[in-house]
């Protein structure tokens, strides 16, 4: 077998892995990149055949994430099926506290966007098809990783046929249940929230008017995010509903009418009658962190490096910013003639991304702790805090920036001119 070599091998071709491959192709085109993806590529390749599905899973992209995809040249196409979030309504069930965040207050067209995962993946794969520096192997699976003088050797099976490739750096992007992370011996810390997130699309009597609702209840937080036609408000929203084990079993076993009634009792009537709950998917909620996500020749990214509670929609947006820091780190190493997979180079990435990572984890986790506490004095404090957001412009702006992915330490992406302002980059 002839020796094969790629500068970077990405294990996992999902949203994180594909985005990283595109970023490297755009901003470090001299690097050869190989993506190893377990699932075969979808046969659908033309956007003219794309039809949004009512029951499609979706992701909330912050304004900062939009700016990232703009720099990658993907946003014009991606925005065709991206529903804007122009306002966010935050409330506490059974209490008077509420706050409203508006994109207009920040002179932006949206605070964020809701995009079907399938459309995002399809758009990424189509863009990568025009990147000669990226090779995509699917269906393929990483079987073994061993160190070499130049980095690591990755043993794979491609359609059941064994193969191997040497690389300067292996990027592990195979998701929150990363088998490769465990096989390589990375130590992950899991904090169990003892809850599940139920995901479904719902139909309401009233149009969403591009408002996202974040509602905290005694049973846990829930969110309804606008989706559908990006130019016309509809009665279709994406539901993220936090439930205990027992509650999840009851909801899954319920009829559509009963699901609607249970959801109505929790959410209220701001969108009128809840008329239909679509296909439900669910997953257990844990805060997963890896204290040392880098080692010689290997780095973890995306959900393989961290998974957050979905309460503030921060997980994938945090991952995107990390991918841009990693791209910047690799591009800088190329300019300086340094090997990509050395521990020193990868620790530079870790150091630059750590502050953002810590701040985002702290922000998401503090919301769960604050709104999960049912004592009267805590409820009074948080209600006053929600009202105070509307009364104190500085506090409200800080909270909005967290939601928009702009309140982090900024990192200049490769290709950004030295005089270009960084505060809006959202990386």
Protein backbone atom coordinates (compact mmCIF):
# COMPACT_ATOMS: atom_id res chain seq x y z
CA UNK A 1 0.00 0.00 0.00
CA UNK A 2 1.41 3.38 -1.02
CA UNK A 3 2.08 5.81 1.83
CA UNK A 4 -0.60 8.48 2.09
CA UNK A 5 -0.22 11.85 3.78
CA UNK A 6 -2.55 14.74 4.57
CA UNK A 7 -1.52 17.77 6.60
CA UNK A 8 -4.74 17.59 8.63
CA UNK A 9 -7.18 14.72 9.10
CA UNK A 10 -10.63 15.58 10.48
CA UNK A 11 -12.50 12.67 12.06
CA UNK A 12 -16.15 13.58 11.62
CA UNK A 13 -17.84 15.39 8.75
CA UNK A 14 -20.77 16.86 10.63
CA UNK A 15 -21.40 20.57 11.00
CA UNK A 16 -18.24 21.20 13.04
CA UNK A 17 -15.91 19.03 10.96
CA UNK A 18 -17.22 20.30 7.63
CA UNK A 19 -17.01 23.93 8.78
CA UNK A 20 -13.41 23.48 9.86
CA UNK A 21 -12.53 21.88 6.51
CA UNK A 22 -14.08 24.83 4.67
CA UNK A 23 -12.31 27.38 6.89
CA UNK A 24 -8.96 25.71 6.24
CA UNK A 25 -9.63 25.58 2.50
CA UNK A 26 -10.47 29.29 2.50
CA UNK A 27 -7.71 30.57 4.80
CA UNK A 28 -4.92 27.98 4.63
CA UNK A 29 -5.32 26.55 1.11
CA UNK A 30 -1.76 25.21 1.01
CA UNK A 31 -2.75 22.58 3.59
CA UNK A 32 -4.10 19.23 2.42
CA UNK A 33 -7.16 18.26 4.44
CA UNK A 34 -8.89 14.88 4.64
CA UNK A 35 -12.34 14.45 6.21
CA UNK A 36 -13.27 10.96 7.42
CA UNK A 37 -17.02 10.65 7.89
CA UNK A 38 -18.89 7.58 9.12
CA UNK A 39 -22.10 8.24 7.18
CA UNK A 40 -22.29 8.25 3.36
CA UNK A 41 -22.88 11.56 1.62
CA UNK A 42 -26.47 12.41 0.78
CA UNK A 43 -27.26 11.98 -2.89
CA UNK A 44 -29.14 15.29 -2.99
CA UNK A 45 -26.69 17.90 -4.26
CA UNK A 46 -28.76 20.66 -5.83
CA UNK A 47 -30.44 23.33 -3.73
CA UNK A 48 -33.28 23.37 -6.28
CA UNK A 49 -34.34 19.99 -4.84
CA UNK A 50 -34.17 21.14 -1.23
CA UNK A 51 -37.55 21.23 0.46
CA UNK A 52 -37.61 22.18 4.17
CA UNK A 53 -39.14 19.38 6.23
CA UNK A 54 -41.58 20.12 9.03
CA UNK A 55 -39.84 17.63 11.31
CA UNK A 56 -36.25 18.58 10.47
CA UNK A 57 -33.86 19.20 13.38
CA UNK A 58 -32.49 22.73 13.46
CA UNK A 59 -29.75 24.83 15.06
CA UNK A 60 -29.82 28.39 16.40
CA UNK A 61 -26.95 30.42 14.96
CA UNK A 62 -25.95 33.61 16.77
CA UNK A 63 -25.24 36.87 14.94
CA UNK A 64 -21.55 36.19 15.50
CA UNK A 65 -21.92 32.82 13.77
CA UNK A 66 -23.53 34.53 10.80
CA UNK A 67 -20.40 36.72 10.55
CA UNK A 68 -18.22 33.61 10.58
CA UNK A 69 -20.16 32.03 7.72
CA UNK A 70 -20.03 35.33 5.84
CA UNK A 71 -16.23 35.23 6.01
CA UNK A 72 -16.31 31.66 4.73
CA UNK A 73 -18.45 32.77 1.77
CA UNK A 74 -21.30 30.48 2.82
CA UNK A 75 -23.88 32.92 4.16
CA UNK A 76 -25.49 34.06 0.86
CA UNK A 77 -26.52 30.47 0.16
CA UNK A 78 -27.16 29.48 3.78
CA UNK A 79 -29.44 32.47 4.39
CA UNK A 80 -31.91 31.21 1.77
CA UNK A 81 -33.43 28.95 4.46
CA UNK A 82 -32.34 30.76 7.64
CA UNK A 83 -35.17 32.20 9.74
CA UNK A 84 -34.12 35.40 11.55
CA UNK A 85 -34.62 35.91 15.29
CA UNK A 86 -35.40 39.62 15.58
CA UNK A 87 -36.53 39.62 19.20
CA UNK A 88 -36.05 37.39 22.24
CA UNK A 89 -38.64 37.25 25.03
CA UNK A 90 -37.34 35.86 28.34
CA UNK A 91 -39.86 35.03 31.08
CA UNK A 92 -40.21 33.12 34.37
CA UNK A 93 -43.42 31.07 34.62
CA UNK A 94 -45.53 31.98 37.64
CA UNK A 95 -43.54 35.15 38.35
CA UNK A 96 -43.72 38.71 37.08
CA UNK A 97 -40.16 38.93 35.73
CA UNK A 98 -39.67 39.26 31.97
CA UNK A 99 -37.26 40.90 29.58
CA UNK A 100 -37.20 41.59 25.85
CA UNK A 101 -34.13 41.76 23.65
CA UNK A 102 -34.34 43.43 20.26
CA UNK A 103 -32.02 43.33 17.25
CA UNK A 104 -33.11 46.86 16.36
CA UNK A 105 -31.57 48.14 19.60
CA UNK A 106 -28.21 46.88 18.29
CA UNK A 107 -28.75 48.16 14.73
CA UNK A 108 -28.75 44.57 13.46
CA UNK A 109 -31.31 42.82 11.25
CA UNK A 110 -31.37 39.84 13.63
CA UNK A 111 -30.04 38.59 16.94
CA UNK A 112 -29.55 35.16 15.39
CA UNK A 113 -31.02 32.66 12.94
CA UNK A 114 -32.64 29.22 12.98
CA UNK A 115 -31.32 26.86 10.28
CA UNK A 116 -32.27 23.27 9.52
CA UNK A 117 -29.30 21.01 10.19
CA UNK A 118 -29.83 19.23 6.88
CA UNK A 119 -29.69 22.50 4.95
CA UNK A 120 -26.56 23.61 6.79
CA UNK A 121 -24.88 20.26 6.14
CA UNK A 122 -25.93 20.20 2.50
CA UNK A 123 -24.65 23.75 1.93
CA UNK A 124 -21.30 22.93 3.54
CA UNK A 125 -20.80 19.75 1.52
CA UNK A 126 -21.65 21.53 -1.73
CA UNK A 127 -19.11 24.27 -0.94
CA UNK A 128 -16.44 21.69 -0.09
CA UNK A 129 -16.95 19.97 -3.44
CA UNK A 130 -15.26 23.02 -5.00
CA UNK A 131 -12.26 22.96 -2.61
CA UNK A 132 -9.38 21.04 -4.24
CA UNK A 133 -7.38 20.97 -0.98
CA UNK A 134 -10.10 18.94 0.80
CA UNK A 135 -10.60 15.22 0.27
CA UNK A 136 -13.79 13.67 1.64
CA UNK A 137 -13.93 9.96 2.51
CA UNK A 138 -17.32 8.47 3.36
CA UNK A 139 -18.51 6.09 4.56
CA UNK A 140 -15.29 5.63 6.51
CA UNK A 141 -14.32 5.07 10.11
CA UNK A 142 -11.19 5.74 12.17
CA UNK A 143 -10.05 2.45 13.69
CA UNK A 144 -6.74 3.28 15.33
CA UNK A 145 -4.35 6.19 15.95
CA UNK A 146 -0.65 5.85 16.68
CA UNK A 147 2.12 8.47 17.02
CA UNK A 148 4.76 8.94 14.32
CA UNK A 149 7.73 11.26 13.88
CA UNK A 150 5.66 13.63 11.72
CA UNK A 151 2.50 13.50 13.83
CA UNK A 152 0.13 10.52 13.93
CA UNK A 153 -0.89 7.62 11.69
CA UNK A 154 -4.64 7.16 11.32
CA UNK A 155 -5.88 3.69 10.43
CA UNK A 156 -9.29 3.73 8.75
CA UNK A 157 -11.74 1.46 6.99
CA UNK A 158 -13.35 2.83 3.82
CA UNK A 159 -16.38 0.82 2.75
CA UNK A 160 -14.93 -2.00 4.85
CA UNK A 161 -11.48 -1.83 3.21
CA UNK A 162 -8.57 -1.03 5.57
CA UNK A 163 -6.39 1.97 4.79
CA UNK A 164 -4.14 4.43 6.61
CA UNK A 165 -2.96 8.01 6.33
CA UNK A 166 -0.18 9.92 8.07
CA UNK A 167 -0.95 13.43 9.20
CA UNK A 168 0.57 16.32 11.14
CA UNK A 169 -2.62 16.65 13.21
CA UNK A 170 -5.78 14.66 13.79
CA UNK A 171 -8.82 16.81 14.62
CA UNK A 172 -11.49 14.82 16.49
CA UNK A 173 -14.93 16.19 15.56
CA UNK A 174 -17.14 13.11 15.89
CA UNK A 175 -19.69 14.55 18.32
CA UNK A 176 -20.68 14.55 21.97
CA UNK A 177 -20.67 10.76 22.24
CA UNK A 178 -17.22 10.63 20.72
CA UNK A 179 -15.99 7.08 20.66
CA UNK A 180 -12.64 8.28 19.36
CA UNK A 181 -12.20 10.66 22.31
CA UNK A 182 -12.72 7.75 24.69
CA UNK A 183 -10.48 5.40 22.69
CA UNK A 184 -7.65 7.94 22.77
CA UNK A 185 -7.92 8.24 26.55
CA UNK A 186 -9.01 11.88 26.85
CA UNK A 187 -10.56 12.43 30.27
CA UNK A 188 -14.03 13.97 29.99
CA UNK A 189 -15.92 15.28 32.99
CA UNK A 190 -19.70 14.78 32.88
CA UNK A 191 -22.13 16.72 35.09
CA UNK A 192 -25.58 15.18 34.76
CA UNK A 193 -28.45 17.69 34.83
CA UNK A 194 -30.86 14.74 35.35
CA UNK A 195 -33.02 16.10 32.57
CA UNK A 196 -33.73 15.43 28.91
CA UNK A 197 -34.19 17.86 26.04
CA UNK A 198 -37.20 17.07 23.88
CA UNK A 199 -36.93 18.57 20.40
CA UNK A 200 -39.90 18.98 18.06
CA UNK A 201 -41.45 21.46 15.66
CA UNK A 202 -44.82 22.86 16.65
CA UNK A 203 -47.66 24.71 14.96
CA UNK A 204 -49.34 27.62 16.72
CA UNK A 205 -52.44 29.64 15.86
CA UNK A 206 -50.47 32.89 15.81
CA UNK A 207 -47.44 33.68 13.69
CA UNK A 208 -44.16 33.91 15.57
CA UNK A 209 -43.29 37.36 14.14
CA UNK A 210 -39.63 36.29 14.33
CA UNK A 211 -39.66 36.25 18.15
CA UNK A 212 -37.78 33.55 20.11
CA UNK A 213 -39.27 32.70 23.51
CA UNK A 214 -37.09 31.51 26.38
CA UNK A 215 -39.34 30.45 29.27
CA UNK A 216 -38.15 29.19 32.63
CA UNK A 217 -40.53 26.91 34.52
CA UNK A 218 -40.44 24.90 37.74
CA UNK A 219 -39.82 21.79 35.61
CA UNK A 220 -36.95 23.36 33.67
CA UNK A 221 -36.40 25.82 30.82
CA UNK A 222 -38.10 25.66 27.45
CA UNK A 223 -37.69 27.60 24.22
CA UNK A 224 -39.72 28.20 21.09
CA UNK A 225 -37.66 29.44 18.16
CA UNK A 226 -39.12 30.85 14.93
CA UNK A 227 -38.67 28.78 11.81
CA UNK A 228 -40.07 28.53 8.31
CA UNK A 229 -39.96 31.07 5.50
CA UNK A 230 -37.15 33.56 6.30
CA UNK A 231 -39.17 36.42 4.77
CA UNK A 232 -42.66 35.77 6.13
CA UNK A 233 -43.64 34.98 9.71
CA UNK A 234 -45.50 31.70 10.13
CA UNK A 235 -47.08 29.65 12.87
CA UNK A 236 -44.18 27.19 12.88
CA UNK A 237 -41.60 27.11 15.68
CA UNK A 238 -38.89 24.80 16.96
CA UNK A 239 -39.44 23.57 20.50
CA UNK A 240 -36.68 22.76 22.99
CA UNK A 241 -38.39 21.39 26.10
CA UNK A 242 -36.50 20.35 29.24
CA UNK A 243 -38.11 17.40 31.04
CA UNK A 244 -37.33 14.95 33.81
CA UNK A 245 -37.12 11.23 33.00
CA UNK A 246 -40.68 10.62 34.22
CA UNK A 247 -42.08 13.65 32.40
CA UNK A 248 -40.34 12.65 29.18
CA UNK A 249 -41.90 9.18 29.26
CA UNK A 250 -45.35 10.69 29.83
CA UNK A 251 -45.03 13.20 27.00
CA UNK A 252 -43.70 10.65 24.52
CA UNK A 253 -46.59 8.31 25.29
CA UNK A 254 -49.20 11.07 25.00
CA UNK A 255 -51.44 11.73 22.01
CA UNK A 256 -50.85 14.81 19.88
CA UNK A 257 -53.78 16.58 21.58
CA UNK A 258 -52.41 15.75 25.02
CA UNK A 259 -48.90 16.90 24.02
CA UNK A 260 -50.38 20.20 22.89
CA UNK A 261 -52.30 20.60 26.14
CA UNK A 262 -49.24 19.84 28.29
CA UNK A 263 -47.10 22.25 26.29
CA UNK A 264 -49.81 24.92 26.43
CA UNK A 265 -49.92 24.67 30.22
CA UNK A 266 -46.17 25.19 30.42
CA UNK A 267 -45.64 27.77 27.71
CA UNK A 268 -48.83 29.83 27.88
CA UNK A 269 -50.78 31.60 25.17
CA UNK A 270 -48.35 34.13 23.70
CA UNK A 271 -48.56 32.34 20.35
CA UNK A 272 -52.22 31.44 20.71
CA UNK A 273 -53.40 27.84 20.71
CA UNK A 274 -50.73 25.18 20.16
CA UNK A 275 -52.25 23.10 17.37
CA UNK A 276 -49.74 20.39 16.57
CA UNK A 277 -46.51 18.87 17.92
CA UNK A 278 -44.40 17.15 15.29
CA UNK A 279 -42.05 14.18 15.53
CA UNK A 280 -40.23 14.24 18.87
CA UNK A 281 -36.55 13.46 19.42
CA UNK A 282 -34.75 13.69 22.72
CA UNK A 283 -31.38 13.35 24.41
CA UNK A 284 -30.06 13.43 28.01
CA UNK A 285 -28.63 16.73 29.23
CA UNK A 286 -25.10 16.80 30.59
CA UNK A 287 -22.39 19.38 30.87
CA UNK A 288 -19.36 17.64 29.36
CA UNK A 289 -15.96 19.27 29.52
CA UNK A 290 -12.44 18.11 28.68
CA UNK A 291 -9.83 20.00 30.70
CA UNK A 292 -6.99 19.14 28.29
CA UNK A 293 -8.46 18.79 24.78
CA UNK A 294 -5.05 18.76 23.06
CA UNK A 295 -2.06 16.45 22.99
CA UNK A 296 0.79 15.90 20.58
CA UNK A 297 -0.77 15.48 17.14
CA UNK A 298 -4.42 15.44 18.31
CA UNK A 299 -7.03 18.10 19.17
CA UNK A 300 -10.70 17.81 20.13
CA UNK A 301 -13.27 20.29 18.77
CA UNK A 302 -17.02 20.83 18.85
CA UNK A 303 -19.14 18.50 20.95
CA UNK A 304 -16.20 16.13 21.32
CA UNK A 305 -14.55 18.87 23.42
CA UNK A 306 -17.63 20.21 25.21
CA UNK A 307 -21.42 19.85 25.36
CA UNK A 308 -23.58 22.47 27.06
CA UNK A 309 -27.17 22.71 28.24
CA UNK A 310 -29.25 24.03 25.31
CA UNK A 311 -30.89 26.71 27.49
CA UNK A 312 -29.07 29.62 25.85
CA UNK A 313 -28.29 28.01 22.48
CA UNK A 314 -24.55 28.45 23.02
CA UNK A 315 -23.07 25.04 22.19
CA UNK A 316 -22.60 25.12 18.42
CA UNK A 317 -21.86 28.85 18.42
CA UNK A 318 -19.05 28.28 20.95
CA UNK A 319 -17.77 25.45 18.76
CA UNK A 320 -17.72 27.70 15.69
CA UNK A 321 -15.64 30.33 17.45
CA UNK A 322 -13.23 27.60 18.54
CA UNK A 323 -12.92 26.34 14.97
CA UNK A 324 -11.96 29.82 13.80
CA UNK A 325 -9.31 30.09 16.53
CA UNK A 326 -7.93 26.70 15.43
CA UNK A 327 -7.92 27.81 11.79
CA UNK A 328 -6.05 30.97 12.77
CA UNK A 329 -3.55 28.91 14.79
CA UNK A 330 -2.86 26.54 11.89
CA UNK A 331 -2.55 29.39 9.37
CA UNK A 332 -0.09 31.19 11.64
CA UNK A 333 1.96 28.00 12.03
CA UNK A 334 2.12 27.65 8.23
CA UNK A 335 3.36 31.23 7.85
CA UNK A 336 6.01 30.64 10.51
CA UNK A 337 7.06 27.25 9.09
CA UNK A 338 6.14 25.32 12.23
CA UNK A 339 4.74 21.76 12.33
CA UNK A 340 0.98 21.86 12.94
CA UNK A 341 0.65 19.05 15.44
CA UNK A 342 3.30 20.00 17.98
CA UNK A 343 2.03 20.33 21.52
CA UNK A 344 3.21 23.93 21.64
CA UNK A 345 1.12 24.93 18.61
CA UNK A 346 -1.99 23.15 19.87
CA UNK A 347 -1.56 24.65 23.32
CA UNK A 348 -1.59 28.09 21.69
CA UNK A 349 -5.03 27.24 20.34
CA UNK A 350 -6.16 26.01 23.74
CA UNK A 351 -4.91 29.15 25.50
CA UNK A 352 -6.61 31.49 23.01
CA UNK A 353 -9.95 29.66 23.16
CA UNK A 354 -10.01 28.89 26.90
CA UNK A 355 -11.33 32.28 28.06
CA UNK A 356 -14.28 32.11 25.66
CA UNK A 357 -14.92 28.49 26.63
CA UNK A 358 -14.92 29.23 30.35
CA UNK A 359 -17.10 32.32 30.02
CA UNK A 360 -19.68 30.54 27.86
CA UNK A 361 -19.85 27.48 30.13
CA UNK A 362 -20.23 29.75 33.16
CA UNK A 363 -22.96 31.81 31.47
CA UNK A 364 -25.02 28.77 30.41
CA UNK A 365 -24.60 26.91 33.69
CA UNK A 366 -25.45 29.95 35.82
CA UNK A 367 -28.80 30.33 34.02
CA UNK A 368 -29.69 26.74 34.92
CA UNK A 369 -28.69 27.19 38.54
CA UNK A 370 -30.45 30.54 38.93
CA UNK A 371 -33.74 29.57 37.32
CA UNK A 372 -33.71 26.04 38.71
CA UNK A 373 -33.89 27.34 42.29
CA UNK A 374 -37.42 27.56 43.66
CA UNK A 375 -36.91 29.43 46.94
CA UNK A 376 -38.95 32.62 47.21
CA UNK A 377 -36.03 34.96 47.75
CA UNK A 378 -34.13 33.57 44.75
CA UNK A 379 -37.29 33.89 42.63
CA UNK A 380 -37.66 37.51 43.76
CA UNK A 381 -34.03 38.26 42.90
CA UNK A 382 -34.20 36.74 39.42
CA UNK A 383 -37.52 38.46 38.66
CA UNK A 384 -36.00 41.76 39.70
CA UNK A 385 -33.02 40.91 37.50
CA UNK A 386 -35.22 40.26 34.45
CA UNK A 387 -37.06 43.54 35.00
CA UNK A 388 -33.73 45.26 35.62
CA UNK A 389 -32.47 44.16 32.21
CA UNK A 390 -35.13 46.36 30.64
CA UNK A 391 -34.28 49.24 32.97
CA UNK A 392 -30.48 49.09 32.89
CA UNK A 393 -29.12 49.53 29.32
CA UNK A 394 -25.60 48.37 30.25
CA UNK A 395 -26.79 45.09 31.77
CA UNK A 396 -29.20 44.46 28.91
CA UNK A 397 -26.51 45.10 26.33
CA UNK A 398 -24.16 42.64 28.10
CA UNK A 399 -26.87 39.95 28.16
CA UNK A 400 -27.70 40.59 24.49
CA UNK A 401 -24.04 40.30 23.52
CA UNK A 402 -23.83 36.90 25.21
CA UNK A 403 -26.84 35.74 23.20
CA UNK A 404 -25.42 37.19 19.97
CA UNK A 405 -21.97 35.67 20.47
CA UNK A 406 -20.29 39.08 20.49
CA UNK A 407 -19.34 39.45 24.14
CA UNK A 408 -16.26 37.25 23.91
CA UNK A 409 -12.58 37.90 23.45
CA UNK A 410 -12.25 38.39 19.70
CA UNK A 411 -9.76 36.58 17.50
CA UNK A 412 -8.81 37.92 14.09
CA UNK A 413 -9.50 35.37 11.38
CA UNK A 414 -7.00 34.78 8.61
CA UNK A 415 -7.88 37.06 5.74
CA UNK A 416 -9.22 39.87 7.93
CA UNK A 417 -7.35 43.08 7.25
CA UNK A 418 -5.40 44.62 10.10
CA UNK A 419 -7.59 47.71 10.10
CA UNK A 420 -10.90 45.83 10.12
CA UNK A 421 -12.82 46.11 13.40
CA UNK A 422 -12.97 42.88 15.37
CA UNK A 423 -15.88 43.61 17.67
CA UNK A 424 -18.43 42.36 15.16
CA UNK A 425 -16.59 39.27 14.10
CA UNK A 426 -18.18 37.02 16.65
CA UNK A 427 -15.29 34.60 16.74
